[in-house]
Amino acid sequence: MRMSLLGRVPMAAKLGVPVAAGLLAAACGTAAGSTTAGSTPAGTPASGSATATVIESHAGSAGSFLTNGSGRAVYLWAADSMNKSTCSGACAGAWPPVTATGQVTAADGAKAAELGTITRSDGTKQVTYDGHPLYYFAGDSGPGQTNGQGSDSFGAKWWLVAPAGTKITAADAAASAGSPSSAAPATSSGSSAGGSWG
């Protein structure tokens, strides 16, 4: 009996060492900052792309317009009012709100003083610029696309936003494949006092 018990101990020890080493490695890896399923290191959004929501400015054929930090265009909706979003349900499915992840910061021509957030009915924080709630367009599949420019879906116009906080009403050459490469000069309307909603 002693022989069989002693014979099993080395086998159990051999199996236990790799398991223990794996658990130790996993614990050390998590402590070193790696992410395990369902967790995110402090200060990092779920996407893992940055610790803040960044709004910046990029040049386009219709003038400089606001984007997120990855270059994805953001829009304002003429149906909204100062610091109030009226786009929800199907509208928010087609025009997802720009939500605040961590701190909201400005870069490359966007003005930090114009940035803010509002609380949506679902409790999420939506980024605003000069009081305009900001949105993405689901039809823009990547950076540099402005397919939503001038759309009147859901009953009002959607516009790119100038770094001054005004709407850009000129067509943008990047709006869709096959659009003319020359666009009318950029025009914007409104004021920093929030009168640029239509």
C-alpha atoms as a PDB file:
ATOM      1  CA  MET A   1       0.000   0.000   0.000  1.00  0.00           C
ATOM      2  CA  ARG A   2       2.831   2.385   0.740  1.00  0.00           C
ATOM      3  CA  MET A   3       4.267   1.732  -2.657  1.00  0.00           C
ATOM      4  CA  SER A   4       1.055   2.660  -4.458  1.00  0.00           C
ATOM      5  CA  LEU A   5       0.533   5.773  -2.327  1.00  0.00           C
ATOM      6  CA  LEU A   6       4.133   6.884  -2.860  1.00  0.00           C
ATOM      7  CA  GLY A   7       3.812   6.052  -6.538  1.00  0.00           C
ATOM      8  CA  ARG A   8       0.847   8.393  -6.841  1.00  0.00           C
ATOM      9  CA  VAL A   9       2.422  11.335  -5.042  1.00  0.00           C
ATOM     10  CA  PRO A  10       5.080  12.008  -7.682  1.00  0.00           C
ATOM     11  CA  MET A  11       2.452  11.779 -10.427  1.00  0.00           C
ATOM     12  CA  ALA A  12       0.178  14.245  -8.607  1.00  0.00           C
ATOM     13  CA  ALA A  13       3.135  16.534  -7.996  1.00  0.00           C
ATOM     14  CA  LYS A  14       4.054  16.397 -11.683  1.00  0.00           C
ATOM     15  CA  LEU A  15       0.512  17.383 -12.685  1.00  0.00           C
ATOM     16  CA  GLY A  16       0.235  20.013  -9.969  1.00  0.00           C
ATOM     17  CA  VAL A  17       3.385  21.910 -10.968  1.00  0.00           C
ATOM     18  CA  PRO A  18       2.149  22.989 -14.420  1.00  0.00           C
ATOM     19  CA  VAL A  19      -1.269  23.906 -13.015  1.00  0.00           C
ATOM     20  CA  ALA A  20       0.282  25.910 -10.186  1.00  0.00           C
ATOM     21  CA  ALA A  21       2.707  27.590 -12.616  1.00  0.00           C
ATOM     22  CA  GLY A  22      -0.175  28.516 -14.921  1.00  0.00           C
ATOM     23  CA  LEU A  23      -2.175  30.024 -12.049  1.00  0.00           C
ATOM     24  CA  LEU A  24       0.878  31.940 -10.851  1.00  0.00           C
ATOM     25  CA  ALA A  25       1.576  33.249 -14.349  1.00  0.00           C
ATOM     26  CA  ALA A  26      -2.062  34.320 -14.752  1.00  0.00           C
ATOM     27  CA  ALA A  27      -2.000  36.136 -11.420  1.00  0.00           C
ATOM     28  CA  CYS A  28       1.263  37.895 -12.266  1.00  0.00           C
ATOM     29  CA  GLY A  29      -0.001  38.812 -15.732  1.00  0.00           C
ATOM     30  CA  THR A  30      -3.114  40.450 -14.316  1.00  0.00           C
ATOM     31  CA  ALA A  31      -1.086  42.349 -11.759  1.00  0.00           C
ATOM     32  CA  ALA A  32       1.212  43.567 -14.528  1.00  0.00           C
ATOM     33  CA  GLY A  33      -1.707  45.173 -16.363  1.00  0.00           C
ATOM     34  CA  SER A  34      -2.974  42.566 -18.802  1.00  0.00           C
ATOM     35  CA  THR A  35      -6.701  42.330 -19.253  1.00  0.00           C
ATOM     36  CA  THR A  36      -8.698  39.238 -18.469  1.00  0.00           C
ATOM     37  CA  ALA A  37     -12.111  38.528 -19.940  1.00  0.00           C
ATOM     38  CA  GLY A  38     -14.697  40.905 -18.558  1.00  0.00           C
ATOM     39  CA  SER A  39     -12.259  43.321 -16.954  1.00  0.00           C
ATOM     40  CA  THR A  40     -10.605  46.526 -18.024  1.00  0.00           C
ATOM     41  CA  PRO A  41      -7.585  48.163 -16.383  1.00  0.00           C
ATOM     42  CA  ALA A  42      -8.435  51.354 -14.526  1.00  0.00           C
ATOM     43  CA  GLY A  43      -8.641  54.389 -16.801  1.00  0.00           C
ATOM     44  CA  THR A  44      -8.996  52.335 -19.999  1.00  0.00           C
ATOM     45  CA  PRO A  45     -12.288  52.287 -21.914  1.00  0.00           C
ATOM     46  CA  ALA A  46     -13.726  48.947 -23.000  1.00  0.00           C
ATOM     47  CA  SER A  47     -12.418  49.512 -26.547  1.00  0.00           C
ATOM     48  CA  GLY A  48      -8.894  49.768 -25.158  1.00  0.00           C
ATOM     49  CA  SER A  49      -8.057  52.546 -27.615  1.00  0.00           C
ATOM     50  CA  ALA A  50      -7.453  55.415 -25.206  1.00  0.00           C
ATOM     51  CA  THR A  51      -8.123  56.677 -21.717  1.00  0.00           C
ATOM     52  CA  ALA A  52     -10.271  59.580 -22.901  1.00  0.00           C
ATOM     53  CA  THR A  53     -12.798  60.570 -25.521  1.00  0.00           C
ATOM     54  CA  VAL A  54     -10.921  62.873 -27.885  1.00  0.00           C
ATOM     55  CA  ILE A  55     -12.574  65.393 -30.195  1.00  0.00           C
ATOM     56  CA  GLU A  56     -10.289  66.911 -32.803  1.00  0.00           C
ATOM     57  CA  SER A  57     -10.406  68.741 -36.111  1.00  0.00           C
ATOM     58  CA  HIS A  58      -9.607  67.375 -39.579  1.00  0.00           C
ATOM     59  CA  ALA A  59      -9.478  69.139 -42.937  1.00  0.00           C
ATOM     60  CA  GLY A  60     -12.032  68.222 -45.575  1.00  0.00           C
ATOM     61  CA  SER A  61     -13.162  69.641 -48.890  1.00  0.00           C
ATOM     62  CA  ALA A  62     -15.986  71.460 -47.070  1.00  0.00           C
ATOM     63  CA  GLY A  63     -13.585  72.917 -44.498  1.00  0.00           C
ATOM     64  CA  SER A  64     -12.245  71.687 -41.182  1.00  0.00           C
ATOM     65  CA  PHE A  65     -14.695  69.530 -39.264  1.00  0.00           C
ATOM     66  CA  LEU A  66     -14.747  67.696 -35.947  1.00  0.00           C
ATOM     67  CA  THR A  67     -13.939  64.007 -35.580  1.00  0.00           C
ATOM     68  CA  ASN A  68     -13.158  61.626 -32.768  1.00  0.00           C
ATOM     69  CA  GLY A  69      -9.537  60.737 -32.028  1.00  0.00           C
ATOM     70  CA  SER A  70      -9.608  58.020 -34.704  1.00  0.00           C
ATOM     71  CA  GLY A  71     -10.725  60.435 -37.433  1.00  0.00           C
ATOM     72  CA  ARG A  72     -14.390  59.365 -37.495  1.00  0.00           C
ATOM     73  CA  ALA A  73     -16.667  62.313 -38.373  1.00  0.00           C
ATOM     74  CA  VAL A  74     -19.111  63.616 -35.785  1.00  0.00           C
ATOM     75  CA  TYR A  75     -22.355  65.414 -36.579  1.00  0.00           C
ATOM     76  CA  LEU A  76     -24.954  67.678 -35.007  1.00  0.00           C
ATOM     77  CA  TRP A  77     -28.706  67.310 -35.592  1.00  0.00           C
ATOM     78  CA  ALA A  78     -30.836  70.362 -36.367  1.00  0.00           C
ATOM     79  CA  ALA A  79     -33.764  68.928 -34.337  1.00  0.00           C
ATOM     80  CA  ASP A  80     -31.780  69.064 -31.092  1.00  0.00           C
ATOM     81  CA  SER A  81     -31.782  72.077 -28.816  1.00  0.00           C
ATOM     82  CA  MET A  82     -29.042  73.548 -26.656  1.00  0.00           C
ATOM     83  CA  ASN A  83     -27.562  70.751 -24.517  1.00  0.00           C
ATOM     84  CA  LYS A  84     -30.539  68.453 -25.215  1.00  0.00           C
ATOM     85  CA  SER A  85     -30.642  65.385 -27.436  1.00  0.00           C
ATOM     86  CA  THR A  86     -33.941  64.367 -29.008  1.00  0.00           C
ATOM     87  CA  CYS A  87     -32.476  61.425 -30.971  1.00  0.00           C
ATOM     88  CA  SER A  88     -33.307  58.049 -29.397  1.00  0.00           C
ATOM     89  CA  GLY A  89     -34.577  54.629 -30.433  1.00  0.00           C
ATOM     90  CA  ALA A  90     -34.224  54.036 -34.185  1.00  0.00           C
ATOM     91  CA  CYS A  91     -32.668  57.471 -34.592  1.00  0.00           C
ATOM     92  CA  ALA A  92     -29.874  56.613 -32.137  1.00  0.00           C
ATOM     93  CA  GLY A  93     -29.388  53.311 -33.964  1.00  0.00           C
ATOM     94  CA  ALA A  94     -28.664  55.124 -37.228  1.00  0.00           C
ATOM     95  CA  TRP A  95     -26.949  58.066 -35.521  1.00  0.00           C
ATOM     96  CA  PRO A  96     -25.163  56.684 -32.433  1.00  0.00           C
ATOM     97  CA  PRO A  97     -24.410  59.337 -29.809  1.00  0.00           C
ATOM     98  CA  VAL A  98     -20.759  60.148 -29.157  1.00  0.00           C
ATOM     99  CA  THR A  99     -20.498  58.915 -25.590  1.00  0.00           C
ATOM    100  CA  ALA A 100     -17.970  60.074 -23.031  1.00  0.00           C
ATOM    101  CA  THR A 101     -15.386  57.462 -22.095  1.00  0.00           C
ATOM    102  CA  GLY A 102     -13.202  58.785 -19.323  1.00  0.00           C
ATOM    103  CA  GLN A 103     -12.213  62.419 -19.657  1.00  0.00           C
ATOM    104  CA  VAL A 104     -13.349  64.360 -22.752  1.00  0.00           C
ATOM    105  CA  THR A 105     -10.424  66.202 -24.337  1.00  0.00           C
ATOM    106  CA  ALA A 106      -9.799  68.437 -27.350  1.00  0.00           C
ATOM    107  CA  ALA A 107      -6.914  68.157 -29.819  1.00  0.00           C
ATOM    108  CA  ASP A 108      -5.750  69.411 -33.224  1.00  0.00           C
ATOM    109  CA  GLY A 109      -7.884  72.540 -33.537  1.00  0.00           C
ATOM    110  CA  ALA A 110     -10.900  71.549 -31.453  1.00  0.00           C
ATOM    111  CA  LYS A 111     -11.534  73.864 -28.503  1.00  0.00           C
ATOM    112  CA  ALA A 112     -11.552  72.363 -25.001  1.00  0.00           C
ATOM    113  CA  ALA A 113     -13.765  75.209 -23.745  1.00  0.00           C
ATOM    114  CA  GLU A 114     -16.527  74.116 -26.154  1.00  0.00           C
ATOM    115  CA  LEU A 115     -16.630  70.506 -24.919  1.00  0.00           C
ATOM    116  CA  GLY A 116     -19.197  69.266 -22.442  1.00  0.00           C
ATOM    117  CA  THR A 117     -21.471  66.324 -21.704  1.00  0.00           C
ATOM    118  CA  ILE A 118     -25.165  65.781 -21.156  1.00  0.00           C
ATOM    119  CA  THR A 119     -26.898  62.822 -19.544  1.00  0.00           C
ATOM    120  CA  ARG A 120     -29.124  60.861 -21.916  1.00  0.00           C
ATOM    121  CA  SER A 121     -32.371  59.197 -20.831  1.00  0.00           C
ATOM    122  CA  ASP A 122     -30.531  55.849 -20.557  1.00  0.00           C
ATOM    123  CA  GLY A 123     -27.970  57.369 -18.180  1.00  0.00           C
ATOM    124  CA  THR A 124     -25.041  57.497 -20.617  1.00  0.00           C
ATOM    125  CA  LYS A 125     -23.016  60.674 -20.987  1.00  0.00           C
ATOM    126  CA  GLN A 126     -23.123  62.193 -24.478  1.00  0.00           C
ATOM    127  CA  VAL A 127     -20.411  64.557 -25.661  1.00  0.00           C
ATOM    128  CA  THR A 128     -21.469  68.074 -26.669  1.00  0.00           C
ATOM    129  CA  TYR A 129     -19.604  70.789 -28.538  1.00  0.00           C
ATOM    130  CA  ASP A 130     -20.785  74.391 -28.174  1.00  0.00           C
ATOM    131  CA  GLY A 131     -23.953  72.897 -26.696  1.00  0.00           C
ATOM    132  CA  HIS A 132     -24.591  70.612 -29.691  1.00  0.00           C
ATOM    133  CA  PRO A 133     -25.008  66.918 -28.797  1.00  0.00           C
ATOM    134  CA  LEU A 134     -22.623  64.997 -31.075  1.00  0.00           C
ATOM    135  CA  TYR A 135     -23.372  61.857 -33.097  1.00  0.00           C
ATOM    136  CA  TYR A 136     -21.667  59.392 -35.420  1.00  0.00           C
ATOM    137  CA  PHE A 137     -23.380  58.150 -38.587  1.00  0.00           C
ATOM    138  CA  ALA A 138     -23.780  54.381 -38.935  1.00  0.00           C
ATOM    139  CA  GLY A 139     -23.226  54.777 -42.689  1.00  0.00           C
ATOM    140  CA  ASP A 140     -19.633  55.974 -42.137  1.00  0.00           C
ATOM    141  CA  SER A 141     -17.555  52.820 -42.055  1.00  0.00           C
ATOM    142  CA  GLY A 142     -14.253  54.459 -41.207  1.00  0.00           C
ATOM    143  CA  PRO A 143     -12.138  57.574 -40.706  1.00  0.00           C
ATOM    144  CA  GLY A 144     -12.518  60.345 -43.268  1.00  0.00           C
ATOM    145  CA  GLN A 145     -16.025  59.359 -44.391  1.00  0.00           C
ATOM    146  CA  THR A 146     -18.800  61.936 -44.223  1.00  0.00           C
ATOM    147  CA  ASN A 147     -21.755  60.034 -45.710  1.00  0.00           C
ATOM    148  CA  GLY A 148     -24.176  61.637 -43.237  1.00  0.00           C
ATOM    149  CA  GLN A 149     -23.470  65.222 -44.315  1.00  0.00           C
ATOM    150  CA  GLY A 150     -26.716  66.978 -45.254  1.00  0.00           C
ATOM    151  CA  SER A 151     -28.926  63.955 -44.560  1.00  0.00           C
ATOM    152  CA  ASP A 152     -32.467  64.762 -43.499  1.00  0.00           C
ATOM    153  CA  SER A 153     -33.227  61.417 -41.894  1.00  0.00           C
ATOM    154  CA  PHE A 154     -35.608  61.463 -38.918  1.00  0.00           C
ATOM    155  CA  GLY A 155     -37.080  64.782 -39.961  1.00  0.00           C
ATOM    156  CA  ALA A 156     -34.197  67.240 -39.714  1.00  0.00           C
ATOM    157  CA  LYS A 157     -30.771  67.889 -41.233  1.00  0.00           C
ATOM    158  CA  TRP A 158     -27.513  66.369 -40.004  1.00  0.00           C
ATOM    159  CA  TRP A 159     -24.390  68.497 -40.376  1.00  0.00           C
ATOM    160  CA  LEU A 160     -20.674  68.221 -39.837  1.00  0.00           C
ATOM    161  CA  VAL A 161     -19.442  70.527 -37.072  1.00  0.00           C
ATOM    162  CA  ALA A 162     -16.802  73.227 -37.598  1.00  0.00           C
ATOM    163  CA  PRO A 163     -14.175  73.805 -34.866  1.00  0.00           C
ATOM    164  CA  ALA A 164     -16.003  77.088 -34.155  1.00  0.00           C
ATOM    165  CA  GLY A 165     -19.048  75.037 -33.110  1.00  0.00           C
ATOM    166  CA  THR A 166     -21.158  75.956 -36.142  1.00  0.00           C
ATOM    167  CA  LYS A 167     -22.749  73.612 -38.628  1.00  0.00           C
ATOM    168  CA  ILE A 168     -21.080  73.083 -42.002  1.00  0.00           C
ATOM    169  CA  THR A 169     -23.698  73.089 -44.761  1.00  0.00           C
ATOM    170  CA  ALA A 170     -21.430  72.607 -47.785  1.00  0.00           C
ATOM    171  CA  ALA A 171     -21.122  69.179 -49.394  1.00  0.00           C
ATOM    172  CA  ASP A 172     -17.967  67.248 -48.570  1.00  0.00           C
ATOM    173  CA  ALA A 173     -16.194  65.324 -51.348  1.00  0.00           C
ATOM    174  CA  ALA A 174     -15.697  62.350 -49.013  1.00  0.00           C
ATOM    175  CA  ALA A 175     -19.456  62.073 -48.490  1.00  0.00           C
ATOM    176  CA  SER A 176     -19.918  59.053 -50.739  1.00  0.00           C
ATOM    177  CA  ALA A 177     -18.297  57.098 -53.510  1.00  0.00           C
ATOM    178  CA  GLY A 178     -18.803  58.775 -56.844  1.00  0.00           C
ATOM    179  CA  SER A 179     -19.471  62.216 -55.430  1.00  0.00           C
ATOM    180  CA  PRO A 180     -17.830  65.155 -57.188  1.00  0.00           C
ATOM    181  CA  SER A 181     -14.317  65.892 -56.055  1.00  0.00           C
ATOM    182  CA  SER A 182     -14.927  69.610 -56.010  1.00  0.00           C
ATOM    183  CA  ALA A 183     -17.346  70.947 -53.463  1.00  0.00           C
ATOM    184  CA  ALA A 184     -18.747  74.386 -52.842  1.00  0.00           C
ATOM    185  CA  PRO A 185     -16.789  76.493 -50.388  1.00  0.00           C
ATOM    186  CA  ALA A 186     -17.543  75.702 -46.776  1.00  0.00           C
ATOM    187  CA  THR A 187     -20.313  77.701 -45.218  1.00  0.00           C
ATOM    188  CA  SER A 188     -21.373  77.672 -41.658  1.00  0.00           C
ATOM    189  CA  SER A 189     -24.108  79.375 -39.782  1.00  0.00           C
ATOM    190  CA  GLY A 190     -25.067  80.039 -36.233  1.00  0.00           C
ATOM    191  CA  SER A 191     -23.253  81.444 -33.303  1.00  0.00           C
ATOM    192  CA  SER A 192     -21.453  80.272 -30.228  1.00  0.00           C
ATOM    193  CA  ALA A 193     -24.508  81.348 -28.278  1.00  0.00           C
ATOM    194  CA  GLY A 194     -26.308  78.208 -29.436  1.00  0.00           C
ATOM    195  CA  GLY A 195     -28.398  79.704 -32.236  1.00  0.00           C
ATOM    196  CA  SER A 196     -27.078  77.360 -34.914  1.00  0.00           C
ATOM    197  CA  TRP A 197     -29.537  74.500 -34.520  1.00  0.00           C
ATOM    198  CA  GLY A 198     -31.358  74.649 -37.867  1.00  0.00           C
END
